[in-house]
Amino acid sequence: IGNSRVRDSLMAYAKREFSSEEIIENFSNRQIFLNREFISREGLDI
């Protein structure tokens, strides 16, 4: 699948959908870790 391809695509999607890549804190071991501080600050539904 290409890890870099997935990461780059996720970051681009995060910027389009949530206005910031900051919402994704980490991507590793086929898991996505969300930035809970960012989500709380922006008032998003996790």
All heavy atoms as atom14 arrays in JSON, in Angstrom:
{
  "sequence": "IGNSRVRDSLMAYAKREFSSEEIIENFSNRQIFLNREFISREGLDI",
  "atom14_mask": [
    [1, 1, 1, 1, 1, 1, 1, 1, 0, 0, 0, 0, 0, 0],
    [1, 1, 1, 1, 0, 0, 0, 0, 0, 0, 0, 0, 0, 0],
    [1, 1, 1, 1, 1, 1, 1, 1, 0, 0, 0, 0, 0, 0],
    [1, 1, 1, 1, 1, 1, 0, 0, 0, 0, 0, 0, 0, 0],
    [1, 1, 1, 1, 1, 1, 1, 1, 1, 1, 1, 0, 0, 0],
    [1, 1, 1, 1, 1, 1, 1, 0, 0, 0, 0, 0, 0, 0],
    [1, 1, 1, 1, 1, 1, 1, 1, 1, 1, 1, 0, 0, 0],
    [1, 1, 1, 1, 1, 1, 1, 1, 0, 0, 0, 0, 0, 0],
    [1, 1, 1, 1, 1, 1, 0, 0, 0, 0, 0, 0, 0, 0],
    [1, 1, 1, 1, 1, 1, 1, 1, 0, 0, 0, 0, 0, 0],
    [1, 1, 1, 1, 1, 1, 1, 1, 0, 0, 0, 0, 0, 0],
    [1, 1, 1, 1, 1, 0, 0, 0, 0, 0, 0, 0, 0, 0],
    [1, 1, 1, 1, 1, 1, 1, 1, 1, 1, 1, 1, 0, 0],
    [1, 1, 1, 1, 1, 0, 0, 0, 0, 0, 0, 0, 0, 0],
    [1, 1, 1, 1, 1, 1, 1, 1, 1, 0, 0, 0, 0, 0],
    [1, 1, 1, 1, 1, 1, 1, 1, 1, 1, 1, 0, 0, 0],
    [1, 1, 1, 1, 1, 1, 1, 1, 1, 0, 0, 0, 0, 0],
    [1, 1, 1, 1, 1, 1, 1, 1, 1, 1, 1, 0, 0, 0],
    [1, 1, 1, 1, 1, 1, 0, 0, 0, 0, 0, 0, 0, 0],
    [1, 1, 1, 1, 1, 1, 0, 0, 0, 0, 0, 0, 0, 0],
    [1, 1, 1, 1, 1, 1, 1, 1, 1, 0, 0, 0, 0, 0],
    [1, 1, 1, 1, 1, 1, 1, 1, 1, 0, 0, 0, 0, 0],
    [1, 1, 1, 1, 1, 1, 1, 1, 0, 0, 0, 0, 0, 0],
    [1, 1, 1, 1, 1, 1, 1, 1, 0, 0, 0, 0, 0, 0],
    [1, 1, 1, 1, 1, 1, 1, 1, 1, 0, 0, 0, 0, 0],
    [1, 1, 1, 1, 1, 1, 1, 1, 0, 0, 0, 0, 0, 0],
    [1, 1, 1, 1, 1, 1, 1, 1, 1, 1, 1, 0, 0, 0],
    [1, 1, 1, 1, 1, 1, 0, 0, 0, 0, 0, 0, 0, 0],
    [1, 1, 1, 1, 1, 1, 1, 1, 0, 0, 0, 0, 0, 0],
    [1, 1, 1, 1, 1, 1, 1, 1, 1, 1, 1, 0, 0, 0],
    [1, 1, 1, 1, 1, 1, 1, 1, 1, 0, 0, 0, 0, 0],
    [1, 1, 1, 1, 1, 1, 1, 1, 0, 0, 0, 0, 0, 0],
    [1, 1, 1, 1, 1, 1, 1, 1, 1, 1, 1, 0, 0, 0],
    [1, 1, 1, 1, 1, 1, 1, 1, 0, 0, 0, 0, 0, 0],
    [1, 1, 1, 1, 1, 1, 1, 1, 0, 0, 0, 0, 0, 0],
    [1, 1, 1, 1, 1, 1, 1, 1, 1, 1, 1, 0, 0, 0],
    [1, 1, 1, 1, 1, 1, 1, 1, 1, 0, 0, 0, 0, 0],
    [1, 1, 1, 1, 1, 1, 1, 1, 1, 1, 1, 0, 0, 0],
    [1, 1, 1, 1, 1, 1, 1, 1, 0, 0, 0, 0, 0, 0],
    [1, 1, 1, 1, 1, 1, 0, 0, 0, 0, 0, 0, 0, 0],
    [1, 1, 1, 1, 1, 1, 1, 1, 1, 1, 1, 0, 0, 0],
    [1, 1, 1, 1, 1, 1, 1, 1, 1, 0, 0, 0, 0, 0],
    [1, 1, 1, 1, 0, 0, 0, 0, 0, 0, 0, 0, 0, 0],
    [1, 1, 1, 1, 1, 1, 1, 1, 0, 0, 0, 0, 0, 0],
    [1, 1, 1, 1, 1, 1, 1, 1, 0, 0, 0, 0, 0, 0],
    [1, 1, 1, 1, 1, 1, 1, 1, 0, 0, 0, 0, 0, 0]
  ],
  "atom14_positions": [
    [[0.83, -1.21, 0.0], [0.0, 0.0, 0.0], [0.86, 1.25, 0.0], [0.46, 2.29, -0.54], [-0.97, 0.0, 1.21], [-2.04, 1.09, 1.05], [-0.23, 0.13, 2.53], [-3.15, 1.0, 2.07], [0.0, 0.0, 0.0], [0.0, 0.0, 0.0], [0.0, 0.0, 0.0], [0.0, 0.0, 0.0], [0.0, 0.0, 0.0], [0.0, 0.0, 0.0]],
    [[2.05, 1.17, 0.59], [2.93, 2.33, 0.67], [2.6, 3.21, 1.86], [1.65, 3.99, 1.81], [0.0, 0.0, 0.0], [0.0, 0.0, 0.0], [0.0, 0.0, 0.0], [0.0, 0.0, 0.0], [0.0, 0.0, 0.0], [0.0, 0.0, 0.0], [0.0, 0.0, 0.0], [0.0, 0.0, 0.0], [0.0, 0.0, 0.0], [0.0, 0.0, 0.0]],
    [[3.35, 3.09, 2.92], [3.08, 3.87, 4.13], [3.12, 5.37, 3.88], [2.27, 6.12, 4.37], [4.08, 3.51, 5.24], [3.58, 2.41, 6.14], [2.41, 2.05, 6.1], [4.47, 1.86, 6.95], [0.0, 0.0, 0.0], [0.0, 0.0, 0.0], [0.0, 0.0, 0.0], [0.0, 0.0, 0.0], [0.0, 0.0, 0.0], [0.0, 0.0, 0.0]],
    [[4.11, 5.83, 3.14], [4.23, 7.27, 2.86], [3.03, 7.76, 2.05], [2.53, 8.86, 2.28], [5.52, 7.56, 2.11], [6.64, 7.24, 2.91], [0.0, 0.0, 0.0], [0.0, 0.0, 0.0], [0.0, 0.0, 0.0], [0.0, 0.0, 0.0], [0.0, 0.0, 0.0], [0.0, 0.0, 0.0], [0.0, 0.0, 0.0], [0.0, 0.0, 0.0]],
    [[2.59, 6.93, 1.12], [1.41, 7.28, 0.31], [0.18, 7.47, 1.19], [-0.58, 8.43, 1.03], [1.19, 6.19, -0.72], [-0.11, 6.29, -1.5], [-0.21, 5.17, -2.53], [-1.56, 5.03, -3.06], [-2.29, 3.93, -2.95], [-1.82, 2.85, -2.33], [-3.5, 3.89, -3.48], [0.0, 0.0, 0.0], [0.0, 0.0, 0.0], [0.0, 0.0, 0.0]],
    [[-0.02, 6.54, 2.14], [-1.17, 6.64, 3.03], [-1.05, 7.87, 3.92], [-2.01, 8.63, 4.09], [-1.3, 5.37, 3.9], [-2.46, 5.52, 4.89], [-1.52, 4.14, 3.02], [0.0, 0.0, 0.0], [0.0, 0.0, 0.0], [0.0, 0.0, 0.0], [0.0, 0.0, 0.0], [0.0, 0.0, 0.0], [0.0, 0.0, 0.0], [0.0, 0.0, 0.0]],
    [[0.13, 8.08, 4.49], [0.33, 9.23, 5.38], [0.1, 10.55, 4.65], [-0.62, 11.44, 5.15], [1.74, 9.2, 5.97], [2.02, 10.33, 6.94], [3.46, 10.32, 7.43], [3.74, 9.17, 8.26], [4.47, 8.13, 7.88], [5.0, 8.09, 6.65], [4.69, 7.12, 8.7], [0.0, 0.0, 0.0], [0.0, 0.0, 0.0], [0.0, 0.0, 0.0]],
    [[0.7, 10.69, 3.48], [0.55, 11.94, 2.72], [-0.91, 12.18, 2.35], [-1.41, 13.32, 2.42], [1.41, 11.9, 1.46], [2.9, 11.91, 1.78], [3.26, 12.2, 2.93], [3.7, 11.6, 0.87], [0.0, 0.0, 0.0], [0.0, 0.0, 0.0], [0.0, 0.0, 0.0], [0.0, 0.0, 0.0], [0.0, 0.0, 0.0], [0.0, 0.0, 0.0]],
    [[-1.59, 11.12, 1.96], [-3.0, 11.25, 1.57], [-3.86, 11.64, 2.77], [-4.75, 12.49, 2.66], [-3.48, 9.92, 0.97], [-4.84, 10.02, 0.59], [0.0, 0.0, 0.0], [0.0, 0.0, 0.0], [0.0, 0.0, 0.0], [0.0, 0.0, 0.0], [0.0, 0.0, 0.0], [0.0, 0.0, 0.0], [0.0, 0.0, 0.0], [0.0, 0.0, 0.0]],
    [[-3.57, 11.04, 3.93], [-4.33, 11.37, 5.14], [-4.13, 12.82, 5.54], [-5.08, 13.52, 5.93], [-3.89, 10.46, 6.29], [-4.51, 9.08, 6.36], [-3.79, 8.23, 7.4], [-6.0, 9.17, 6.68], [0.0, 0.0, 0.0], [0.0, 0.0, 0.0], [0.0, 0.0, 0.0], [0.0, 0.0, 0.0], [0.0, 0.0, 0.0], [0.0, 0.0, 0.0]],
    [[-2.9, 13.28, 5.46], [-2.62, 14.66, 5.84], [-3.32, 15.65, 4.91], [-3.85, 16.67, 5.34], [-1.11, 14.9, 5.84], [-0.37, 14.15, 6.95], [-1.0, 14.54, 8.6], [0.1, 13.57, 9.62], [0.0, 0.0, 0.0], [0.0, 0.0, 0.0], [0.0, 0.0, 0.0], [0.0, 0.0, 0.0], [0.0, 0.0, 0.0], [0.0, 0.0, 0.0]],
    [[-3.31, 15.33, 3.62], [-4.01, 16.2, 2.66], [-5.51, 16.21, 2.92], [-6.16, 17.26, 2.87], [-3.71, 15.73, 1.23], [0.0, 0.0, 0.0], [0.0, 0.0, 0.0], [0.0, 0.0, 0.0], [0.0, 0.0, 0.0], [0.0, 0.0, 0.0], [0.0, 0.0, 0.0], [0.0, 0.0, 0.0], [0.0, 0.0, 0.0], [0.0, 0.0, 0.0]],
    [[-6.05, 15.04, 3.23], [-7.49, 14.96, 3.54], [-7.81, 15.74, 4.82], [-8.82, 16.48, 4.87], [-7.9, 13.5, 3.72], [-9.29, 13.35, 4.28], [-10.41, 13.6, 3.49], [-9.48, 12.96, 5.61], [-11.7, 13.47, 4.02], [-10.75, 12.83, 6.14], [-11.86, 13.08, 5.34], [-13.13, 12.97, 5.86], [0.0, 0.0, 0.0], [0.0, 0.0, 0.0]],
    [[-6.96, 15.59, 5.85], [-7.19, 16.3, 7.11], [-7.21, 17.81, 6.89], [-8.04, 18.53, 7.48], [-6.11, 15.93, 8.12], [0.0, 0.0, 0.0], [0.0, 0.0, 0.0], [0.0, 0.0, 0.0], [0.0, 0.0, 0.0], [0.0, 0.0, 0.0], [0.0, 0.0, 0.0], [0.0, 0.0, 0.0], [0.0, 0.0, 0.0], [0.0, 0.0, 0.0]],
    [[-6.33, 18.3, 6.04], [-6.28, 19.74, 5.78], [-7.53, 20.22, 5.05], [-8.08, 21.29, 5.34], [-5.02, 20.06, 4.98], [-4.67, 21.54, 4.95], [-3.26, 21.76, 4.43], [-2.88, 23.23, 4.55], [-1.49, 23.46, 4.08], [0.0, 0.0, 0.0], [0.0, 0.0, 0.0], [0.0, 0.0, 0.0], [0.0, 0.0, 0.0], [0.0, 0.0, 0.0]],
    [[-8.02, 19.38, 4.12], [-9.24, 19.74, 3.38], [-10.48, 19.67, 4.27], [-11.31, 20.58, 4.27], [-9.45, 18.79, 2.19], [-8.44, 18.93, 1.08], [-8.92, 18.22, -0.19], [-9.34, 16.84, 0.05], [-8.52, 15.79, -0.03], [-7.23, 15.97, -0.28], [-8.99, 14.56, 0.17], [0.0, 0.0, 0.0], [0.0, 0.0, 0.0], [0.0, 0.0, 0.0]],
    [[-10.59, 18.6, 5.04], [-11.82, 18.33, 5.78], [-11.88, 19.05, 7.12], [-12.94, 19.5, 7.54], [-11.96, 16.82, 6.0], [-13.24, 16.39, 6.69], [-14.47, 16.64, 5.83], [-14.36, 16.64, 4.57], [-15.56, 16.84, 6.41], [0.0, 0.0, 0.0], [0.0, 0.0, 0.0], [0.0, 0.0, 0.0], [0.0, 0.0, 0.0], [0.0, 0.0, 0.0]],
    [[-10.71, 19.16, 7.79], [-10.71, 19.71, 9.15], [-9.84, 20.97, 9.25], [-9.58, 21.45, 10.36], [-10.2, 18.66, 10.13], [-10.95, 17.36, 10.07], [-10.36, 16.23, 9.51], [-12.26, 17.27, 10.54], [-11.05, 15.02, 9.44], [-12.95, 16.07, 10.48], [-12.35, 14.94, 9.92], [0.0, 0.0, 0.0], [0.0, 0.0, 0.0], [0.0, 0.0, 0.0]],
    [[-9.38, 21.46, 8.11], [-8.63, 22.72, 8.01], [-7.24, 22.66, 8.64], [-6.58, 23.69, 8.77], [-9.42, 23.87, 8.67], [-10.67, 24.0, 8.05], [0.0, 0.0, 0.0], [0.0, 0.0, 0.0], [0.0, 0.0, 0.0], [0.0, 0.0, 0.0], [0.0, 0.0, 0.0], [0.0, 0.0, 0.0], [0.0, 0.0, 0.0], [0.0, 0.0, 0.0]],
    [[-6.8, 21.47, 9.04], [-5.46, 21.37, 9.63], [-4.99, 19.92, 9.67], [-5.77, 19.02, 9.99], [-5.46, 21.94, 11.05], [-4.2, 21.76, 11.65], [0.0, 0.0, 0.0], [0.0, 0.0, 0.0], [0.0, 0.0, 0.0], [0.0, 0.0, 0.0], [0.0, 0.0, 0.0], [0.0, 0.0, 0.0], [0.0, 0.0, 0.0], [0.0, 0.0, 0.0]],
    [[-3.7, 19.74, 9.38], [-3.09, 18.42, 9.54], [-2.91, 18.06, 11.01], [-2.69, 16.9, 11.36], [-1.72, 18.39, 8.86], [-1.74, 18.61, 7.37], [-0.35, 18.64, 6.79], [0.62, 18.6, 7.58], [-0.21, 18.72, 5.55], [0.0, 0.0, 0.0], [0.0, 0.0, 0.0], [0.0, 0.0, 0.0], [0.0, 0.0, 0.0], [0.0, 0.0, 0.0]],
    [[-3.03, 19.05, 11.87], [-2.77, 18.86, 13.3], [-3.71, 17.85, 13.93], [-3.41, 17.28, 14.98], [-2.9, 20.21, 14.02], [-2.38, 20.21, 15.43], [-2.54, 21.57, 16.1], [-2.84, 22.55, 15.4], [-2.37, 21.64, 17.34], [0.0, 0.0, 0.0], [0.0, 0.0, 0.0], [0.0, 0.0, 0.0], [0.0, 0.0, 0.0], [0.0, 0.0, 0.0]],
    [[-4.84, 17.59, 13.29], [-5.82, 16.66, 13.86], [-5.27, 15.24, 13.93], [-5.71, 14.43, 14.75], [-7.13, 16.7, 13.04], [-8.27, 16.06, 13.84], [-6.98, 16.06, 11.68], [-9.64, 16.27, 13.24], [0.0, 0.0, 0.0], [0.0, 0.0, 0.0], [0.0, 0.0, 0.0], [0.0, 0.0, 0.0], [0.0, 0.0, 0.0], [0.0, 0.0, 0.0]],
    [[-4.3, 14.92, 13.06], [-3.64, 13.6, 13.09], [-2.32, 13.74, 13.83], [-1.39, 14.38, 13.35], [-3.43, 13.05, 11.67], [-4.78, 12.82, 11.0], [-2.62, 11.74, 11.73], [-4.7, 12.34, 9.58], [0.0, 0.0, 0.0], [0.0, 0.0, 0.0], [0.0, 0.0, 0.0], [0.0, 0.0, 0.0], [0.0, 0.0, 0.0], [0.0, 0.0, 0.0]],
    [[-2.26, 13.15, 15.01], [-1.08, 13.29, 15.86], [0.02, 12.32, 15.46], [1.2, 12.65, 15.51], [-1.49, 13.05, 17.32], [-0.37, 13.26, 18.31], [-0.89, 13.27, 19.74], [-1.66, 14.2, 20.08], [-0.56, 12.32, 20.49], [0.0, 0.0, 0.0], [0.0, 0.0, 0.0], [0.0, 0.0, 0.0], [0.0, 0.0, 0.0], [0.0, 0.0, 0.0]],
    [[-0.37, 11.1, 15.06], [0.63, 10.1, 14.7], [-0.01, 9.06, 13.8], [-1.19, 8.74, 13.93], [1.19, 9.41, 15.96], [2.22, 8.34, 15.63], [1.89, 7.16, 15.52], [3.46, 8.76, 15.45], [0.0, 0.0, 0.0], [0.0, 0.0, 0.0], [0.0, 0.0, 0.0], [0.0, 0.0, 0.0], [0.0, 0.0, 0.0], [0.0, 0.0, 0.0]],
    [[0.8, 8.54, 12.88], [0.39, 7.43, 12.02], [1.49, 6.38, 12.06], [2.61, 6.63, 11.62], [0.15, 7.92, 10.59], [-0.03, 6.81, 9.6], [-1.14, 5.99, 9.64], [0.93, 6.57, 8.61], [-1.31, 4.96, 8.73], [0.78, 5.55, 7.69], [-0.35, 4.73, 7.75], [0.0, 0.0, 0.0], [0.0, 0.0, 0.0], [0.0, 0.0, 0.0]],
    [[1.19, 5.22, 12.64], [2.19, 4.15, 12.74], [1.49, 2.83, 12.98], [0.4, 2.77, 13.54], [3.17, 4.43, 13.89], [2.49, 4.6, 15.12], [0.0, 0.0, 0.0], [0.0, 0.0, 0.0], [0.0, 0.0, 0.0], [0.0, 0.0, 0.0], [0.0, 0.0, 0.0], [0.0, 0.0, 0.0], [0.0, 0.0, 0.0], [0.0, 0.0, 0.0]],
    [[2.14, 1.75, 12.54], [1.63, 0.39, 12.75], [0.18, 0.22, 12.27], [-0.64, -0.45, 12.9], [1.73, -0.01, 14.22], [3.16, -0.14, 14.69], [4.05, -0.47, 13.91], [3.4, 0.12, 15.97], [0.0, 0.0, 0.0], [0.0, 0.0, 0.0], [0.0, 0.0, 0.0], [0.0, 0.0, 0.0], [0.0, 0.0, 0.0], [0.0, 0.0, 0.0]],
    [[-0.13, 0.85, 11.15], [-1.47, 0.8, 10.55], [-2.54, 1.34, 11.51], [-3.69, 0.88, 11.5], [-1.82, -0.62, 10.08], [-0.92, -1.12, 8.95], [-1.49, -2.34, 8.25], [-1.56, -3.51, 9.09], [-0.58, -4.41, 9.19], [0.55, -4.24, 8.54], [-0.73, -5.48, 9.95], [0.0, 0.0, 0.0], [0.0, 0.0, 0.0], [0.0, 0.0, 0.0]],
    [[-2.17, 2.33, 12.29], [-3.1, 2.98, 13.21], [-2.96, 4.49, 13.11], [-1.86, 5.02, 12.9], [-2.86, 2.53, 14.65], [-3.14, 1.05, 14.89], [-3.03, 0.66, 16.34], [-3.0, 1.51, 17.23], [-2.95, -0.64, 16.61], [0.0, 0.0, 0.0], [0.0, 0.0, 0.0], [0.0, 0.0, 0.0], [0.0, 0.0, 0.0], [0.0, 0.0, 0.0]],
    [[-4.07, 5.17, 13.29], [-4.11, 6.62, 13.26], [-4.46, 7.12, 14.65], [-5.5, 6.75, 15.22], [-5.14, 7.13, 12.23], [-4.77, 6.63, 10.83], [-5.23, 8.65, 12.26], [-5.91, 6.69, 9.84], [0.0, 0.0, 0.0], [0.0, 0.0, 0.0], [0.0, 0.0, 0.0], [0.0, 0.0, 0.0], [0.0, 0.0, 0.0], [0.0, 0.0, 0.0]],
    [[-3.58, 7.95, 15.2], [-3.78, 8.54, 16.53], [-4.27, 9.98, 16.34], [-3.58, 10.8, 15.74], [-2.48, 8.54, 17.32], [-1.95, 7.16, 17.64], [-1.3, 6.41, 16.66], [-2.08, 6.63, 18.91], [-0.8, 5.14, 16.95], [-1.58, 5.37, 19.21], [-0.94, 4.62, 18.23], [0.0, 0.0, 0.0], [0.0, 0.0, 0.0], [0.0, 0.0, 0.0]],
    [[-5.43, 10.26, 16.84], [-6.01, 11.59, 16.71], [-5.5, 12.51, 17.81], [-5.25, 12.08, 18.94], [-7.53, 11.52, 16.75], [-8.19, 10.72, 15.62], [-9.69, 10.66, 15.81], [-7.84, 11.32, 14.25], [0.0, 0.0, 0.0], [0.0, 0.0, 0.0], [0.0, 0.0, 0.0], [0.0, 0.0, 0.0], [0.0, 0.0, 0.0], [0.0, 0.0, 0.0]],
    [[-5.42, 13.79, 17.48], [-5.0, 14.81, 18.43], [-6.23, 15.29, 19.2], [-7.01, 16.11, 18.72], [-4.35, 15.97, 17.68], [-3.75, 17.0, 18.6], [-4.21, 17.21, 19.72], [-2.71, 17.68, 18.12], [0.0, 0.0, 0.0], [0.0, 0.0, 0.0], [0.0, 0.0, 0.0], [0.0, 0.0, 0.0], [0.0, 0.0, 0.0], [0.0, 0.0, 0.0]],
    [[-6.39, 14.77, 20.4], [-7.59, 15.05, 21.18], [-7.65, 16.51, 21.65], [-8.74, 17.08, 21.79], [-7.68, 14.09, 22.36], [-7.97, 12.67, 21.9], [-7.87, 11.63, 22.98], [-8.2, 10.33, 22.41], [-9.42, 9.82, 22.37], [-10.44, 10.5, 22.87], [-9.64, 8.64, 21.81], [0.0, 0.0, 0.0], [0.0, 0.0, 0.0], [0.0, 0.0, 0.0]],
    [[-6.49, 17.1, 21.89], [-6.47, 18.51, 22.28], [-6.99, 19.39, 21.15], [-7.78, 20.32, 21.39], [-5.05, 18.92, 22.66], [-4.53, 18.24, 23.94], [-3.1, 18.64, 24.24], [-2.55, 19.49, 23.49], [-2.54, 18.1, 25.2], [0.0, 0.0, 0.0], [0.0, 0.0, 0.0], [0.0, 0.0, 0.0], [0.0, 0.0, 0.0], [0.0, 0.0, 0.0]],
    [[-6.56, 19.09, 19.94], [-7.03, 19.85, 18.78], [-8.54, 19.67, 18.59], [-9.26, 20.64, 18.36], [-6.28, 19.39, 17.53], [-6.75, 20.04, 16.26], [-6.23, 21.26, 15.83], [-7.74, 19.44, 15.47], [-6.68, 21.85, 14.67], [-8.18, 20.02, 14.3], [-7.66, 21.24, 13.89], [0.0, 0.0, 0.0], [0.0, 0.0, 0.0], [0.0, 0.0, 0.0]],
    [[-8.99, 18.42, 18.69], [-10.41, 18.12, 18.49], [-11.26, 18.84, 19.53], [-12.33, 19.41, 19.21], [-10.64, 16.6, 18.54], [-10.05, 15.95, 17.28], [-12.13, 16.26, 18.65], [-10.03, 14.44, 17.31], [0.0, 0.0, 0.0], [0.0, 0.0, 0.0], [0.0, 0.0, 0.0], [0.0, 0.0, 0.0], [0.0, 0.0, 0.0], [0.0, 0.0, 0.0]],
    [[-10.81, 18.86, 20.77], [-11.54, 19.55, 21.84], [-11.53, 21.06, 21.61], [-12.56, 21.74, 21.76], [-10.91, 19.22, 23.19], [-11.53, 19.92, 24.22], [0.0, 0.0, 0.0], [0.0, 0.0, 0.0], [0.0, 0.0, 0.0], [0.0, 0.0, 0.0], [0.0, 0.0, 0.0], [0.0, 0.0, 0.0], [0.0, 0.0, 0.0], [0.0, 0.0, 0.0]],
    [[-10.38, 21.58, 21.23], [-10.24, 23.03, 21.02], [-11.12, 23.51, 19.88], [-11.7, 24.61, 19.94], [-8.77, 23.34, 20.73], [-8.44, 24.81, 20.65], [-6.95, 25.05, 20.57], [-6.38, 24.61, 19.31], [-5.45, 23.68, 19.2], [-4.99, 23.07, 20.29], [-4.97, 23.34, 18.03], [0.0, 0.0, 0.0], [0.0, 0.0, 0.0], [0.0, 0.0, 0.0]],
    [[-11.25, 22.67, 18.84], [-12.05, 23.06, 17.68], [-13.52, 22.71, 17.83], [-14.33, 23.0, 16.95], [-11.49, 22.37, 16.43], [-10.07, 22.78, 16.07], [-9.97, 24.26, 15.71], [-10.87, 24.76, 14.99], [-9.02, 24.92, 16.17], [0.0, 0.0, 0.0], [0.0, 0.0, 0.0], [0.0, 0.0, 0.0], [0.0, 0.0, 0.0], [0.0, 0.0, 0.0]],
    [[-13.87, 22.03, 18.97], [-15.26, 21.68, 19.21], [-15.79, 20.61, 18.27], [-16.99, 20.57, 17.96], [0.0, 0.0, 0.0], [0.0, 0.0, 0.0], [0.0, 0.0, 0.0], [0.0, 0.0, 0.0], [0.0, 0.0, 0.0], [0.0, 0.0, 0.0], [0.0, 0.0, 0.0], [0.0, 0.0, 0.0], [0.0, 0.0, 0.0], [0.0, 0.0, 0.0]],
    [[-14.92, 19.7, 17.84], [-15.32, 18.64, 16.92], [-15.84, 17.43, 17.68], [-15.48, 17.19, 18.84], [-14.14, 18.24, 16.05], [-13.55, 19.33, 15.15], [-12.27, 18.83, 14.48], [-14.57, 19.77, 14.11], [0.0, 0.0, 0.0], [0.0, 0.0, 0.0], [0.0, 0.0, 0.0], [0.0, 0.0, 0.0], [0.0, 0.0, 0.0], [0.0, 0.0, 0.0]],
    [[-16.67, 16.64, 17.03], [-17.18, 15.39, 17.59], [-16.2, 14.28, 17.21], [-16.05, 13.94, 16.04], [-18.57, 15.1, 17.0], [-19.19, 13.82, 17.53], [-18.45, 12.97, 18.08], [-20.41, 13.64, 17.37], [0.0, 0.0, 0.0], [0.0, 0.0, 0.0], [0.0, 0.0, 0.0], [0.0, 0.0, 0.0], [0.0, 0.0, 0.0], [0.0, 0.0, 0.0]],
    [[-15.52, 13.71, 18.21], [-14.46, 12.74, 17.92], [-15.0, 11.48, 17.25], [-14.34, 10.89, 16.4], [-13.66, 12.39, 19.2], [-12.38, 11.63, 18.82], [-14.51, 11.6, 20.19], [-11.39, 11.5, 19.94], [0.0, 0.0, 0.0], [0.0, 0.0, 0.0], [0.0, 0.0, 0.0], [0.0, 0.0, 0.0], [0.0, 0.0, 0.0], [0.0, 0.0, 0.0]]
  ]
}
